[in-house]
């Protein structure tokens, strides 16, 4: 093994031919490029998904709990006590869609009504103007589009079921605050009301609550809490199920993009094949001498395959440094901006994960070994007499 390591080190750092050295350098650089791109790409997909989930959870409750008969709760305080015994922080709520019209602007918005204590917790870091109080708190983008500010009235129209059929009922509420979460699904579509205004808007009685929002210590275990709620004969939907289609699409997109950029590593393997092939051609005499001295085919294959593996490892190290460095700088200073109305968030978050990085390193090393193995096996088949005769 000592002789193998000596020869590997010798062939990497003292190949003797400028052409071989250039191809070896190109191999390292191409592998570095592939590794850096894979780290950045997987970091972008991880960052986008984690940042999207974080921003969704700013205003999205972990659980939506409903009456088993699909009707409003009447004894909501008793239900809340029962849910709190399960470790769920419960809050009476109303969720629905209405029409908003302001001047010449008419649009559809999501109305979310809840007790102000929970609203203050959620919006304490995201209020840009006004305050959390009785009235309407409007998303920043929606407020800009409607031209409203705290102190102005917001004109809403809800659809109510009456004895004479569905009717459009107007409702006026005062704007008390403007919030901005950085996620367009909140900032561009959501109006938050206190429970009293919410009940009036939708024509509910003072003791009627159509929905209960639930909050759990770990949002990513929301489905487990939903099972507990089901056992109490209530309806329950977790935030993960509500956004299941979105997260599934993101996972598929991540897989497709990662596999596409992994092809760069396969292309880099061509440089490794060329480098090892040229190295074995240059060292024909030494290969013949080694076989004459008792080196087996496996020994020679191990030496030249090891050279390819080291080239891949060097490329992986250099690529990792650049990949992690670029990811950190770009993410920290938010250098790449995005149109929030298209991509839901306003910059490209890059958050590589150790697990993905380890997979990339292992994959790079294996590809480099396989690329070097073929020319190494061919070189090992060379007969010592033929190698020495051609040189002489």
Protein backbone atom coordinates (compact mmCIF):
# COMPACT_ATOMS: atom_id res chain seq x y z
CA UNK A 1 0.00 0.00 0.00
CA UNK A 2 2.94 2.32 0.72
CA UNK A 3 4.21 1.90 -2.85
CA UNK A 4 0.74 2.61 -4.20
CA UNK A 5 0.46 5.88 -2.28
CA UNK A 6 3.97 6.91 -3.32
CA UNK A 7 3.19 6.37 -7.01
CA UNK A 8 -0.20 8.13 -6.77
CA UNK A 9 1.44 11.18 -5.19
CA UNK A 10 4.25 11.09 -7.73
CA UNK A 11 1.92 10.93 -10.75
CA UNK A 12 -0.32 13.72 -9.48
CA UNK A 13 2.35 16.27 -8.63
CA UNK A 14 5.19 15.29 -11.00
CA UNK A 15 3.61 13.94 -14.16
CA UNK A 16 6.50 15.26 -16.25
CA UNK A 17 4.33 16.35 -19.18
CA UNK A 18 2.80 19.80 -19.48
CA UNK A 19 -0.07 18.40 -21.55
CA UNK A 20 -0.96 15.84 -18.87
CA UNK A 21 -0.71 18.53 -16.18
CA UNK A 22 -3.06 20.80 -18.12
CA UNK A 23 -5.65 18.04 -18.51
CA UNK A 24 -5.33 17.16 -14.82
CA UNK A 25 -5.91 20.82 -13.94
CA UNK A 26 -8.93 20.94 -16.26
CA UNK A 27 -10.29 17.83 -14.55
CA UNK A 28 -10.02 19.45 -11.13
CA UNK A 29 -11.58 22.72 -12.36
CA UNK A 30 -14.48 21.04 -14.16
CA UNK A 31 -15.25 18.88 -11.12
CA UNK A 32 -15.00 21.98 -8.91
CA UNK A 33 -17.49 23.77 -11.12
CA UNK A 34 -19.92 20.85 -11.01
CA UNK A 35 -19.68 20.51 -7.23
CA UNK A 36 -20.07 24.25 -6.64
CA UNK A 37 -23.13 24.42 -8.90
CA UNK A 38 -24.73 21.40 -7.22
CA UNK A 39 -24.17 22.88 -3.75
CA UNK A 40 -25.66 26.21 -4.83
CA UNK A 41 -28.62 24.63 -6.66
CA UNK A 42 -29.56 22.28 -3.81
CA UNK A 43 -29.05 25.21 -1.42
CA UNK A 44 -31.46 27.35 -3.45
CA UNK A 45 -34.13 24.64 -3.44
CA UNK A 46 -33.69 23.98 0.29
CA UNK A 47 -33.63 27.69 1.07
CA UNK A 48 -36.67 28.46 -1.05
CA UNK A 49 -38.71 25.69 0.54
CA UNK A 50 -37.68 26.48 4.14
CA UNK A 51 -38.17 30.24 3.68
CA UNK A 52 -41.53 29.67 2.03
CA UNK A 53 -42.66 27.46 4.92
CA UNK A 54 -41.44 30.01 7.47
CA UNK A 55 -43.36 32.83 5.81
CA UNK A 56 -46.48 30.72 5.32
CA UNK A 57 -46.49 29.97 9.05
CA UNK A 58 -46.41 33.67 9.94
CA UNK A 59 -50.16 33.90 9.35
CA UNK A 60 -51.23 30.32 8.78
CA UNK A 61 -52.39 28.39 11.87
CA UNK A 62 -51.01 24.91 12.33
CA UNK A 63 -54.49 23.35 12.55
CA UNK A 64 -57.94 24.18 11.17
CA UNK A 65 -60.49 22.55 13.49
CA UNK A 66 -64.15 22.33 12.50
CA UNK A 67 -67.42 21.02 13.93
CA UNK A 68 -68.07 17.37 12.96
CA UNK A 69 -71.46 18.37 11.50
CA UNK A 70 -69.98 21.20 9.43
CA UNK A 71 -71.89 23.84 11.40
CA UNK A 72 -70.58 26.69 13.60
CA UNK A 73 -69.50 25.90 17.16
CA UNK A 74 -71.88 27.15 19.85
CA UNK A 75 -69.93 25.98 22.91
CA UNK A 76 -66.56 27.15 21.62
CA UNK A 77 -65.05 27.80 25.07
CA UNK A 78 -65.65 24.19 26.11
CA UNK A 79 -64.08 22.94 22.88
CA UNK A 80 -61.06 25.21 23.38
CA UNK A 81 -60.54 23.82 26.90
CA UNK A 82 -60.72 20.29 25.49
CA UNK A 83 -58.17 21.12 22.78
CA UNK A 84 -55.83 22.79 25.26
CA UNK A 85 -55.82 19.55 27.27
CA UNK A 86 -54.24 17.97 24.16
CA UNK A 87 -51.43 20.55 24.15
CA UNK A 88 -53.04 22.71 21.44
CA UNK A 89 -53.21 26.48 21.82
CA UNK A 90 -56.70 27.09 20.39
CA UNK A 91 -58.30 30.30 19.16
CA UNK A 92 -61.83 30.93 17.78
CA UNK A 93 -61.67 32.15 14.19
CA UNK A 94 -63.53 32.95 10.98
CA UNK A 95 -62.15 32.41 7.49
CA UNK A 96 -63.83 33.39 4.25
CA UNK A 97 -63.66 35.27 0.98
CA UNK A 98 -65.33 38.59 0.22
CA UNK A 99 -65.23 41.35 -2.36
CA UNK A 100 -63.46 44.60 -1.53
CA UNK A 101 -64.10 47.77 -3.47
CA UNK A 102 -62.27 51.02 -2.96
CA UNK A 103 -62.78 53.83 -5.43
CA UNK A 104 -62.50 52.27 -8.88
CA UNK A 105 -60.77 49.12 -7.61
CA UNK A 106 -62.71 45.90 -7.07
CA UNK A 107 -60.95 42.74 -5.91
CA UNK A 108 -61.44 39.48 -4.05
CA UNK A 109 -59.70 39.06 -0.69
CA UNK A 110 -59.39 36.49 2.08
CA UNK A 111 -60.90 37.59 5.38
CA UNK A 112 -59.44 36.15 8.53
CA UNK A 113 -61.07 37.09 11.83
CA UNK A 114 -59.53 36.05 15.14
CA UNK A 115 -59.10 37.19 18.73
CA UNK A 116 -56.65 40.10 18.92
CA UNK A 117 -54.34 38.35 21.41
CA UNK A 118 -53.25 35.80 18.82
CA UNK A 119 -53.15 38.40 16.03
CA UNK A 120 -50.74 40.52 18.11
CA UNK A 121 -48.43 37.52 18.55
CA UNK A 122 -48.36 36.84 14.83
CA UNK A 123 -48.03 40.41 13.56
CA UNK A 124 -45.81 41.94 16.26
CA UNK A 125 -42.76 41.90 13.95
CA UNK A 126 -44.60 42.66 10.72
CA UNK A 127 -46.67 45.81 11.32
CA UNK A 128 -45.37 48.66 9.14
CA UNK A 129 -48.06 51.25 9.90
CA UNK A 130 -50.78 51.54 12.49
CA UNK A 131 -51.39 48.87 15.13
CA UNK A 132 -53.26 45.66 15.92
CA UNK A 133 -56.67 46.76 17.17
CA UNK A 134 -60.38 46.35 16.52
CA UNK A 135 -60.89 46.95 12.81
CA UNK A 136 -59.06 45.82 9.67
CA UNK A 137 -55.37 45.03 9.28
CA UNK A 138 -54.49 44.94 5.58
CA UNK A 139 -51.55 43.38 3.73
CA UNK A 140 -49.05 45.92 2.37
CA UNK A 141 -49.45 45.08 -1.33
CA UNK A 142 -53.23 45.00 -1.06
CA UNK A 143 -53.28 48.32 0.80
CA UNK A 144 -51.09 49.92 -1.88
CA UNK A 145 -53.34 48.62 -4.64
CA UNK A 146 -56.48 49.85 -2.89
CA UNK A 147 -54.89 53.12 -1.78
CA UNK A 148 -55.86 52.73 1.89
CA UNK A 149 -54.04 53.78 5.07
CA UNK A 150 -54.83 53.52 8.78
CA UNK A 151 -57.82 55.68 9.61
CA UNK A 152 -59.59 55.12 6.28
CA UNK A 153 -62.65 52.94 5.77
CA UNK A 154 -62.60 49.68 3.81
CA UNK A 155 -65.68 48.67 1.82
CA UNK A 156 -66.37 44.92 1.91
CA UNK A 157 -69.18 42.85 0.40
CA UNK A 158 -70.00 39.36 1.68
CA UNK A 159 -72.37 36.73 0.30
CA UNK A 160 -74.93 35.65 2.88
CA UNK A 161 -77.64 33.02 2.81
CA UNK A 162 -81.05 34.53 3.58
CA UNK A 163 -84.64 33.19 3.47
CA UNK A 164 -84.86 34.84 0.07
CA UNK A 165 -81.69 33.19 -1.23
CA UNK A 166 -78.06 34.38 -1.32
CA UNK A 167 -77.60 38.13 -1.10
CA UNK A 168 -74.62 40.49 -1.39
CA UNK A 169 -74.36 42.48 1.84
CA UNK A 170 -72.03 45.51 2.11
CA UNK A 171 -70.00 46.13 5.25
CA UNK A 172 -67.75 49.05 6.16
CA UNK A 173 -64.80 48.65 8.54
CA UNK A 174 -62.04 51.01 9.63
CA UNK A 175 -58.43 50.24 8.66
CA UNK A 176 -56.26 50.26 11.80
CA UNK A 177 -52.97 48.81 10.52
CA UNK A 178 -50.85 47.68 7.57
CA UNK A 179 -48.66 44.56 7.77
CA UNK A 180 -45.97 43.08 5.52
CA UNK A 181 -44.75 39.49 5.83
CA UNK A 182 -42.78 39.29 2.59
CA UNK A 183 -45.07 36.55 1.23
CA UNK A 184 -47.46 37.67 -1.49
CA UNK A 185 -50.19 35.19 -0.56
CA UNK A 186 -50.49 37.12 2.72
CA UNK A 187 -49.55 40.66 1.72
CA UNK A 188 -51.59 40.78 -1.48
CA UNK A 189 -54.73 38.85 -0.53
CA UNK A 190 -55.37 39.00 3.22
CA UNK A 191 -57.41 41.27 5.47
CA UNK A 192 -57.39 40.46 9.19
CA UNK A 193 -60.33 41.47 11.40
CA UNK A 194 -61.18 41.13 15.06
CA UNK A 195 -63.84 38.52 15.87
CA UNK A 196 -66.60 41.05 16.46
CA UNK A 197 -66.22 42.64 13.01
CA UNK A 198 -65.80 39.20 11.45
CA UNK A 199 -69.11 37.97 12.84
CA UNK A 200 -70.89 41.10 11.66
CA UNK A 201 -69.38 40.82 8.19
CA UNK A 202 -70.58 37.24 7.70
CA UNK A 203 -73.86 37.65 9.58
CA UNK A 204 -73.00 35.28 12.43
CA UNK A 205 -74.49 35.39 15.92
CA UNK A 206 -72.32 36.41 18.88
CA UNK A 207 -72.06 32.79 20.09
CA UNK A 208 -71.34 31.28 16.66
CA UNK A 209 -67.79 30.38 15.66
CA UNK A 210 -67.35 28.42 12.40
CA UNK A 211 -63.68 27.57 12.91
CA UNK A 212 -60.99 27.11 15.54
CA UNK A 213 -57.32 27.77 14.79
CA UNK A 214 -54.88 25.49 16.57
CA UNK A 215 -51.20 26.13 17.34
CA UNK A 216 -48.81 23.39 18.45
CA UNK A 217 -45.25 23.53 19.86
CA UNK A 218 -43.71 21.95 16.74
CA UNK A 219 -45.50 22.94 13.49
CA UNK A 220 -43.91 20.00 11.67
CA UNK A 221 -45.78 17.58 13.97
CA UNK A 222 -49.15 19.15 13.17
CA UNK A 223 -50.43 15.93 11.55
CA UNK A 224 -49.86 14.03 14.82
CA UNK A 225 -52.00 16.55 16.69
CA UNK A 226 -54.66 16.28 13.99
CA UNK A 227 -54.97 12.58 14.77
CA UNK A 228 -55.61 13.44 18.43
CA UNK A 229 -58.29 15.94 17.37
CA UNK A 230 -59.93 13.30 15.15
CA UNK A 231 -60.15 11.01 18.18
CA UNK A 232 -62.28 13.70 19.88
CA UNK A 233 -64.66 13.61 16.88
CA UNK A 234 -63.76 16.99 15.44
CA UNK A 235 -62.68 17.80 11.90
CA UNK A 236 -59.05 18.79 11.50
CA UNK A 237 -56.77 19.87 8.65
CA UNK A 238 -53.07 20.61 9.18
CA UNK A 239 -51.19 23.41 7.45
CA UNK A 240 -49.10 20.74 5.71
CA UNK A 241 -52.19 19.20 4.13
CA UNK A 242 -53.52 22.60 3.11
CA UNK A 243 -50.27 23.30 1.24
CA UNK A 244 -49.63 19.68 0.19
CA UNK A 245 -49.84 20.36 -3.55
CA UNK A 246 -47.38 23.26 -3.31
CA UNK A 247 -44.82 21.31 -1.28
CA UNK A 248 -45.14 18.24 -3.51
CA UNK A 249 -44.47 20.38 -6.59
CA UNK A 250 -41.42 21.90 -4.90
CA UNK A 251 -40.01 18.45 -4.08
CA UNK A 252 -40.44 17.25 -7.66
CA UNK A 253 -38.88 20.44 -8.98
CA UNK A 254 -35.94 20.05 -6.61
CA UNK A 255 -35.33 16.48 -7.77
CA UNK A 256 -35.55 17.38 -11.47
CA UNK A 257 -33.22 20.38 -11.19
CA UNK A 258 -30.69 18.50 -9.06
CA UNK A 259 -30.53 15.59 -11.52
CA UNK A 260 -30.13 18.03 -14.42
CA UNK A 261 -27.16 19.77 -12.84
CA UNK A 262 -25.68 16.43 -11.73
CA UNK A 263 -25.01 15.82 -15.44
CA UNK A 264 -22.23 18.41 -15.13
CA UNK A 265 -20.34 15.94 -12.92
CA UNK A 266 -20.75 13.23 -15.56
CA UNK A 267 -19.36 15.59 -18.20
CA UNK A 268 -16.46 16.36 -15.87
CA UNK A 269 -15.73 12.64 -15.76
CA UNK A 270 -14.71 12.84 -19.44
CA UNK A 271 -11.78 15.07 -18.44
CA UNK A 272 -10.76 12.51 -15.85
CA UNK A 273 -10.84 9.74 -18.48
CA UNK A 274 -8.69 11.84 -20.84
CA UNK A 275 -6.23 12.76 -18.07
CA UNK A 276 -5.71 9.17 -16.92
CA UNK A 277 -5.48 7.91 -20.52
CA UNK A 278 -2.77 10.43 -21.37
CA UNK A 279 -0.98 9.71 -18.11
CA UNK A 280 -0.90 5.96 -18.83
CA UNK A 281 0.37 6.59 -22.37
CA UNK A 282 3.16 8.75 -21.01
CA UNK A 283 4.08 6.20 -18.32
CA UNK A 284 4.09 3.12 -20.57
CA UNK A 285 7.73 2.40 -19.81
CA UNK A 286 7.17 2.72 -16.04
CA UNK A 287 4.12 0.47 -16.28
CA UNK A 288 6.20 -2.17 -18.07
CA UNK A 289 8.94 -1.81 -15.46
CA UNK A 290 6.44 -2.18 -12.60
CA UNK A 291 5.03 -5.36 -14.12
CA UNK A 292 8.54 -6.71 -14.62
CA UNK A 293 9.24 -6.03 -10.93
CA UNK A 294 6.18 -8.03 -9.87
CA UNK A 295 3.32 -5.51 -9.82
CA UNK A 296 0.02 -7.22 -10.59
CA UNK A 297 -2.69 -5.89 -12.89
CA UNK A 298 -4.70 -4.97 -9.80
CA UNK A 299 -1.77 -3.00 -8.35
CA UNK A 300 -1.43 -0.91 -11.51
CA UNK A 301 -5.20 -0.45 -11.79
CA UNK A 302 -5.28 0.71 -8.15
CA UNK A 303 -2.51 3.28 -8.72
CA UNK A 304 -4.06 5.00 -11.73
CA UNK A 305 -7.62 4.72 -10.40
CA UNK A 306 -6.33 6.32 -7.21
CA UNK A 307 -4.94 9.21 -9.25
CA UNK A 308 -8.41 9.79 -10.71
CA UNK A 309 -9.99 9.56 -7.27
CA UNK A 310 -7.59 12.15 -5.84
CA UNK A 311 -8.28 14.49 -8.77
CA UNK A 312 -11.99 14.15 -8.02
CA UNK A 313 -11.41 14.74 -4.32
CA UNK A 314 -9.36 17.88 -4.99
CA UNK A 315 -12.09 19.16 -7.29
CA UNK A 316 -14.74 18.41 -4.66
CA UNK A 317 -12.81 20.33 -1.99
CA UNK A 318 -12.26 23.38 -4.20
CA UNK A 319 -15.87 23.28 -5.40
CA UNK A 320 -17.14 22.99 -1.83
CA UNK A 321 -15.21 26.07 -0.76
CA UNK A 322 -16.61 28.12 -3.64
CA UNK A 323 -20.12 26.65 -3.35
CA UNK A 324 -20.47 27.27 0.38
CA UNK A 325 -18.79 30.68 0.13
CA UNK A 326 -21.03 31.94 -2.68
CA UNK A 327 -24.10 30.53 -0.92
CA UNK A 328 -23.26 32.28 2.36
CA UNK A 329 -22.51 35.67 0.80
CA UNK A 330 -25.53 35.60 -1.52
CA UNK A 331 -27.93 34.53 1.23
CA UNK A 332 -26.57 36.85 3.93
CA UNK A 333 -26.71 39.99 1.80
CA UNK A 334 -29.76 38.91 -0.27
CA UNK A 335 -27.94 39.72 -3.49
CA UNK A 336 -30.36 38.03 -5.91
CA UNK A 337 -33.75 39.74 -5.90
CA UNK A 338 -37.00 38.22 -7.20
CA UNK A 339 -40.35 39.70 -8.22
CA UNK A 340 -42.44 38.71 -5.21
CA UNK A 341 -45.68 38.64 -7.20
CA UNK A 342 -44.24 35.83 -9.36
CA UNK A 343 -42.09 33.78 -6.95
CA UNK A 344 -43.98 34.48 -3.69
CA UNK A 345 -40.78 35.66 -1.95
CA UNK A 346 -38.63 38.68 -2.78
CA UNK A 347 -35.10 37.20 -2.89
CA UNK A 348 -33.26 33.94 -3.54
CA UNK A 349 -32.46 32.20 -0.23
CA UNK A 350 -29.52 29.77 -0.46
CA UNK A 351 -29.21 27.35 2.45
CA UNK A 352 -27.06 24.28 1.67
CA UNK A 353 -27.47 21.31 3.99
CA UNK A 354 -24.70 19.11 5.32
CA UNK A 355 -26.50 15.95 4.22
CA UNK A 356 -26.78 17.13 0.61
CA UNK A 357 -23.13 18.22 0.64
CA UNK A 358 -21.95 14.81 1.87
CA UNK A 359 -23.97 13.10 -0.88
CA UNK A 360 -22.39 15.39 -3.50
CA UNK A 361 -18.88 14.61 -2.19
CA UNK A 362 -19.47 10.86 -2.22
CA UNK A 363 -21.06 11.00 -5.67
CA UNK A 364 -18.15 13.05 -7.03
CA UNK A 365 -15.56 10.65 -5.61
CA UNK A 366 -17.35 7.58 -7.00
CA UNK A 367 -17.78 9.14 -10.47
CA UNK A 368 -14.07 10.07 -10.52
CA UNK A 369 -13.03 6.54 -9.54
CA UNK A 370 -15.27 4.98 -12.19
CA UNK A 371 -14.01 7.40 -14.84
CA UNK A 372 -10.39 6.55 -14.00
CA UNK A 373 -11.02 2.82 -13.73
CA UNK A 374 -11.52 2.13 -17.45
CA UNK A 375 -8.19 3.58 -18.74
CA UNK A 376 -6.45 2.09 -15.68
CA UNK A 377 -7.64 -1.41 -16.54
CA UNK A 378 -6.48 -0.96 -20.15
CA UNK A 379 -3.06 0.19 -18.92
CA UNK A 380 -2.80 -2.77 -16.55
CA UNK A 381 -3.22 -5.20 -19.47
CA UNK A 382 -0.08 -3.90 -21.13
CA UNK A 383 2.59 -6.60 -21.40
CA UNK A 384 5.95 -5.58 -19.91
CA UNK A 385 7.90 -6.79 -22.98
CA UNK A 386 5.78 -4.66 -25.33
CA UNK A 387 6.04 -1.57 -23.12
CA UNK A 388 9.83 -1.79 -22.71
CA UNK A 389 10.43 -2.68 -26.40
CA UNK A 390 8.41 0.32 -27.69
CA UNK A 391 10.32 2.72 -25.48
CA UNK A 392 13.71 1.22 -26.39
